[in-house]
C-alpha cells in the first residue's frame, strides 16, 4: 500500500464529501488562521476534477496566479477568491456575530 501525503488525503476527503468541505472552510473562516484557509483551498482545488490548472482556467486566472494566491504567503484578492470558490461550488457569505444577551 502506498502512503499518501496529508494534502492528497484531504483532497480525497473534500472530493468525497463536499458538505464537509464547506463546513471545514466555514470553521477556518470563523476560528482559523489565514494560512490554514489557503492550505484548505489549495487542497480543495487539487481535489477538483482536472486539478489546479483546470481550476485556474475555470476561474479565469493564470495557473501561476492561482499557485501564488494559494501559497503560504498568499493574499488573495476578493475577485480571485470569489472566482475560485465559485469553481469549487462554494461562495462567501456574511453573517452577524452572535452577541451575548443583555442583562
N, C-alpha and C. Protein backbone atom coordinates (compact mmCIF):
# COMPACT_ATOMS: atom_id res chain seq x y z
N UNK A 1 0.84 -1.17 0.00
CA UNK A 1 0.00 0.00 0.00
C UNK A 1 0.89 1.24 0.00
N UNK A 2 0.57 2.19 -0.86
CA UNK A 2 1.35 3.42 -0.98
C UNK A 2 0.86 4.46 0.02
N UNK A 3 1.80 5.09 0.71
CA UNK A 3 1.44 6.16 1.64
C UNK A 3 1.04 7.40 0.85
N UNK A 4 0.05 8.11 1.37
CA UNK A 4 -0.39 9.36 0.74
C UNK A 4 0.02 10.53 1.63
N UNK A 5 0.22 11.66 0.99
CA UNK A 5 0.51 12.86 1.76
C UNK A 5 -0.78 13.35 2.41
N UNK A 6 -0.61 14.21 3.40
CA UNK A 6 -1.77 14.80 4.06
C UNK A 6 -2.63 15.56 3.04
N UNK A 7 -1.98 16.32 2.15
CA UNK A 7 -2.72 17.07 1.12
C UNK A 7 -3.54 16.14 0.25
N UNK A 8 -2.97 15.02 -0.16
CA UNK A 8 -3.71 14.06 -1.00
C UNK A 8 -4.89 13.47 -0.25
N UNK A 9 -4.69 13.14 1.02
CA UNK A 9 -5.77 12.57 1.82
C UNK A 9 -6.90 13.58 2.02
N UNK A 10 -6.55 14.83 2.30
CA UNK A 10 -7.58 15.86 2.47
C UNK A 10 -8.30 16.13 1.16
N UNK A 11 -7.56 16.18 0.05
CA UNK A 11 -8.18 16.40 -1.25
C UNK A 11 -9.21 15.31 -1.53
N UNK A 12 -8.86 14.07 -1.23
CA UNK A 12 -9.81 12.97 -1.44
C UNK A 12 -11.04 13.11 -0.55
N UNK A 13 -10.83 13.49 0.70
CA UNK A 13 -11.95 13.69 1.62
C UNK A 13 -12.87 14.80 1.11
N UNK A 14 -12.30 15.91 0.66
CA UNK A 14 -13.09 17.01 0.13
C UNK A 14 -13.86 16.58 -1.12
N UNK A 15 -13.22 15.78 -1.96
CA UNK A 15 -13.86 15.29 -3.19
C UNK A 15 -15.05 14.40 -2.85
N UNK A 16 -14.90 13.57 -1.84
CA UNK A 16 -15.95 12.62 -1.47
C UNK A 16 -17.09 13.26 -0.70
N UNK A 17 -16.82 14.35 0.01
CA UNK A 17 -17.84 14.94 0.88
C UNK A 17 -17.83 16.47 0.77
N UNK A 18 -18.45 17.03 -0.27
CA UNK A 18 -18.46 18.49 -0.45
C UNK A 18 -19.08 19.25 0.72
N UNK A 19 -20.06 18.65 1.41
CA UNK A 19 -20.67 19.32 2.56
C UNK A 19 -19.64 19.47 3.68
N UNK A 20 -18.82 18.44 3.88
CA UNK A 20 -17.75 18.54 4.88
C UNK A 20 -16.78 19.63 4.48
N UNK A 21 -16.44 19.70 3.21
CA UNK A 21 -15.50 20.72 2.73
C UNK A 21 -16.03 22.12 3.03
N UNK A 22 -17.31 22.35 2.76
CA UNK A 22 -17.90 23.67 3.03
C UNK A 22 -17.87 23.99 4.52
N UNK A 23 -18.22 23.02 5.34
CA UNK A 23 -18.21 23.24 6.80
C UNK A 23 -16.78 23.50 7.30
N UNK A 24 -15.82 22.77 6.75
CA UNK A 24 -14.42 22.95 7.13
C UNK A 24 -13.96 24.37 6.81
N UNK A 25 -14.30 24.86 5.62
CA UNK A 25 -13.93 26.22 5.23
C UNK A 25 -14.60 27.23 6.15
N UNK A 26 -15.88 27.01 6.47
CA UNK A 26 -16.58 27.91 7.38
C UNK A 26 -15.90 27.95 8.75
N UNK A 27 -15.49 26.80 9.26
CA UNK A 27 -14.80 26.75 10.55
C UNK A 27 -13.49 27.51 10.49
N UNK A 28 -12.76 27.36 9.39
CA UNK A 28 -11.49 28.08 9.26
C UNK A 28 -11.73 29.59 9.17
N UNK A 29 -12.79 29.99 8.49
CA UNK A 29 -13.10 31.42 8.42
C UNK A 29 -13.46 31.96 9.79
N UNK A 30 -14.09 31.15 10.60
CA UNK A 30 -14.52 31.58 11.93
C UNK A 30 -13.39 31.55 12.94
N UNK A 31 -12.62 30.47 12.96
CA UNK A 31 -11.65 30.25 14.03
C UNK A 31 -10.21 30.11 13.58
N UNK A 32 -9.99 29.94 12.30
CA UNK A 32 -8.66 29.57 11.83
C UNK A 32 -7.77 30.73 11.47
N UNK A 33 -6.58 30.39 11.09
CA UNK A 33 -5.60 31.35 10.61
C UNK A 33 -5.72 31.47 9.10
N UNK A 34 -5.42 32.63 8.54
CA UNK A 34 -5.50 32.79 7.09
C UNK A 34 -4.66 31.75 6.33
N UNK A 35 -3.49 31.40 6.85
CA UNK A 35 -2.64 30.41 6.18
C UNK A 35 -3.33 29.05 6.11
N UNK A 36 -4.07 28.69 7.17
CA UNK A 36 -4.79 27.42 7.18
C UNK A 36 -5.90 27.42 6.12
N UNK A 37 -6.56 28.55 5.95
CA UNK A 37 -7.59 28.68 4.93
C UNK A 37 -7.00 28.47 3.54
N UNK A 38 -5.85 29.07 3.30
CA UNK A 38 -5.20 28.93 1.99
C UNK A 38 -4.80 27.48 1.72
N UNK A 39 -4.32 26.78 2.74
CA UNK A 39 -3.97 25.37 2.59
C UNK A 39 -5.21 24.57 2.22
N UNK A 40 -6.31 24.80 2.92
CA UNK A 40 -7.55 24.05 2.65
C UNK A 40 -8.06 24.35 1.24
N UNK A 41 -8.00 25.61 0.83
CA UNK A 41 -8.43 25.94 -0.53
C UNK A 41 -7.54 25.30 -1.58
N UNK A 42 -6.24 25.24 -1.30
CA UNK A 42 -5.31 24.57 -2.22
C UNK A 42 -5.65 23.09 -2.32
N UNK A 43 -5.94 22.45 -1.19
CA UNK A 43 -6.31 21.04 -1.18
C UNK A 43 -7.62 20.82 -1.94
N UNK A 44 -8.57 21.73 -1.77
CA UNK A 44 -9.84 21.61 -2.48
C UNK A 44 -9.65 21.79 -3.98
N UNK A 45 -8.78 22.72 -4.36
CA UNK A 45 -8.51 22.92 -5.78
C UNK A 45 -7.86 21.67 -6.38
N UNK A 46 -6.97 21.04 -5.63
CA UNK A 46 -6.34 19.81 -6.11
C UNK A 46 -7.37 18.70 -6.23
N UNK A 47 -8.39 18.72 -5.38
CA UNK A 47 -9.43 17.69 -5.40
C UNK A 47 -10.38 17.88 -6.58
N UNK A 48 -10.50 19.10 -7.05
CA UNK A 48 -11.42 19.41 -8.14
C UNK A 48 -10.97 18.68 -9.41
N UNK A 49 -11.90 18.18 -10.17
CA UNK A 49 -11.56 17.46 -11.41
C UNK A 49 -10.63 18.26 -12.29
N UNK A 50 -9.53 17.67 -12.66
CA UNK A 50 -8.58 18.34 -13.53
C UNK A 50 -7.46 19.04 -12.79
N UNK A 51 -7.58 19.19 -11.48
CA UNK A 51 -6.51 19.76 -10.69
C UNK A 51 -6.39 21.27 -10.80
N UNK A 52 -5.26 21.77 -10.36
CA UNK A 52 -5.04 23.21 -10.23
C UNK A 52 -5.14 23.95 -11.56
N UNK A 53 -4.59 23.36 -12.62
CA UNK A 53 -4.63 24.05 -13.92
C UNK A 53 -6.06 24.20 -14.41
N UNK A 54 -6.88 23.18 -14.23
CA UNK A 54 -8.28 23.26 -14.64
C UNK A 54 -9.03 24.29 -13.80
N UNK A 55 -8.77 24.33 -12.51
CA UNK A 55 -9.41 25.31 -11.63
C UNK A 55 -9.02 26.71 -12.07
N UNK A 56 -7.74 26.93 -12.33
CA UNK A 56 -7.27 28.24 -12.77
C UNK A 56 -7.98 28.66 -14.04
N UNK A 57 -8.07 27.76 -14.99
CA UNK A 57 -8.73 28.06 -16.27
C UNK A 57 -10.20 28.42 -16.05
N UNK A 58 -10.90 27.61 -15.25
CA UNK A 58 -12.32 27.86 -15.00
C UNK A 58 -12.55 29.17 -14.23
N UNK A 59 -11.62 29.51 -13.36
CA UNK A 59 -11.72 30.74 -12.57
C UNK A 59 -11.21 31.95 -13.34
N UNK A 60 -10.75 31.72 -14.55
CA UNK A 60 -10.17 32.78 -15.39
C UNK A 60 -8.98 33.46 -14.71
N UNK A 61 -8.14 32.61 -14.11
CA UNK A 61 -6.89 33.04 -13.50
C UNK A 61 -5.76 32.29 -14.20
N UNK A 62 -4.57 32.84 -14.18
CA UNK A 62 -3.44 32.07 -14.68
C UNK A 62 -3.07 31.05 -13.61
N UNK A 63 -2.50 29.94 -14.04
CA UNK A 63 -2.08 28.92 -13.08
C UNK A 63 -1.07 29.50 -12.10
N UNK A 64 -0.17 30.33 -12.60
CA UNK A 64 0.83 30.97 -11.74
C UNK A 64 0.15 31.84 -10.69
N UNK A 65 -0.87 32.59 -11.11
CA UNK A 65 -1.59 33.44 -10.17
C UNK A 65 -2.30 32.60 -9.11
N UNK A 66 -2.90 31.49 -9.52
CA UNK A 66 -3.60 30.63 -8.56
C UNK A 66 -2.61 30.03 -7.56
N UNK A 67 -1.50 29.50 -8.06
CA UNK A 67 -0.50 28.92 -7.15
C UNK A 67 0.02 29.98 -6.18
N UNK A 68 0.29 31.19 -6.68
CA UNK A 68 0.79 32.27 -5.83
C UNK A 68 -0.27 32.67 -4.79
N UNK A 69 -1.52 32.76 -5.23
CA UNK A 69 -2.62 33.14 -4.34
C UNK A 69 -2.78 32.15 -3.20
N UNK A 70 -2.64 30.86 -3.50
CA UNK A 70 -2.85 29.82 -2.50
C UNK A 70 -1.57 29.36 -1.81
N UNK A 71 -0.48 30.09 -2.04
CA UNK A 71 0.77 29.75 -1.35
C UNK A 71 0.68 30.17 0.11
N UNK A 72 1.64 29.74 0.91
CA UNK A 72 1.62 30.08 2.34
C UNK A 72 1.73 31.59 2.57
N UNK A 73 2.28 32.31 1.59
CA UNK A 73 2.38 33.77 1.70
C UNK A 73 1.30 34.47 0.88
N UNK A 74 0.34 33.71 0.38
CA UNK A 74 -0.69 34.27 -0.49
C UNK A 74 -1.59 35.26 0.23
N UNK A 75 -2.12 36.17 -0.55
CA UNK A 75 -3.06 37.16 -0.04
C UNK A 75 -4.08 37.40 -1.15
N UNK A 76 -5.06 36.51 -1.27
CA UNK A 76 -5.97 36.58 -2.41
C UNK A 76 -6.82 37.84 -2.41
N UNK A 77 -7.00 38.39 -3.61
CA UNK A 77 -7.94 39.48 -3.79
C UNK A 77 -9.34 38.89 -3.72
N UNK A 78 -10.31 39.72 -3.39
CA UNK A 78 -11.69 39.26 -3.28
C UNK A 78 -12.16 38.67 -4.61
N UNK A 79 -11.80 39.29 -5.72
CA UNK A 79 -12.21 38.80 -7.03
C UNK A 79 -11.66 37.40 -7.28
N UNK A 80 -10.39 37.19 -6.99
CA UNK A 80 -9.77 35.88 -7.19
C UNK A 80 -10.39 34.84 -6.27
N UNK A 81 -10.58 35.22 -5.00
CA UNK A 81 -11.17 34.30 -4.04
C UNK A 81 -12.59 33.92 -4.44
N UNK A 82 -13.38 34.89 -4.85
CA UNK A 82 -14.76 34.61 -5.28
C UNK A 82 -14.79 33.71 -6.50
N UNK A 83 -13.91 33.96 -7.46
CA UNK A 83 -13.84 33.13 -8.67
C UNK A 83 -13.44 31.70 -8.33
N UNK A 84 -12.46 31.56 -7.44
CA UNK A 84 -12.01 30.23 -7.02
C UNK A 84 -13.13 29.48 -6.31
N UNK A 85 -13.77 30.14 -5.36
CA UNK A 85 -14.86 29.50 -4.61
C UNK A 85 -15.99 29.08 -5.54
N UNK A 86 -16.31 29.91 -6.52
CA UNK A 86 -17.38 29.56 -7.46
C UNK A 86 -17.05 28.29 -8.21
N UNK A 87 -15.82 28.16 -8.68
CA UNK A 87 -15.39 26.95 -9.38
C UNK A 87 -15.51 25.74 -8.46
N UNK A 88 -15.23 25.93 -7.18
CA UNK A 88 -15.29 24.83 -6.22
C UNK A 88 -16.70 24.57 -5.71
N UNK A 89 -17.67 25.33 -6.22
CA UNK A 89 -19.06 25.14 -5.81
C UNK A 89 -19.40 25.77 -4.48
N UNK A 90 -18.64 26.81 -4.11
CA UNK A 90 -18.84 27.50 -2.84
C UNK A 90 -19.01 28.99 -3.09
N UNK A 91 -19.40 29.71 -2.04
CA UNK A 91 -19.49 31.17 -2.12
C UNK A 91 -19.25 31.76 -0.74
N UNK A 92 -18.85 33.00 -0.72
CA UNK A 92 -18.70 33.71 0.55
C UNK A 92 -20.06 34.16 1.03
N UNK A 93 -20.24 34.20 2.32
CA UNK A 93 -21.48 34.70 2.92
C UNK A 93 -21.11 35.50 4.15
N UNK A 94 -21.92 36.47 4.48
CA UNK A 94 -21.70 37.30 5.66
C UNK A 94 -22.79 36.99 6.66
N UNK A 95 -22.39 36.80 7.90
CA UNK A 95 -23.34 36.53 8.97
C UNK A 95 -23.04 37.45 10.14
N UNK A 96 -24.06 37.73 10.91
CA UNK A 96 -23.84 38.52 12.12
C UNK A 96 -23.13 37.66 13.15
N UNK A 97 -22.40 38.31 14.00
CA UNK A 97 -21.74 37.62 15.11
C UNK A 97 -22.73 37.59 16.26
N UNK A 98 -22.91 36.42 16.83
CA UNK A 98 -23.84 36.29 17.96
C UNK A 98 -23.36 37.15 19.12
N UNK A 99 -24.23 38.02 19.59
CA UNK A 99 -23.91 38.91 20.71
C UNK A 99 -24.45 38.30 21.99
N UNK A 100 -23.72 38.41 23.10
CA UNK A 100 -24.27 37.91 24.37
C UNK A 100 -25.54 38.66 24.73
N UNK A 101 -26.46 37.99 25.35
CA UNK A 101 -27.72 38.62 25.75
C UNK A 101 -27.46 39.72 26.77
N UNK A 102 -28.17 40.84 26.61
CA UNK A 102 -28.04 41.96 27.56
C UNK A 102 -28.79 41.62 28.84
N UNK A 103 -28.32 42.17 29.94
CA UNK A 103 -28.99 41.90 31.23
C UNK A 103 -30.08 42.88 31.47
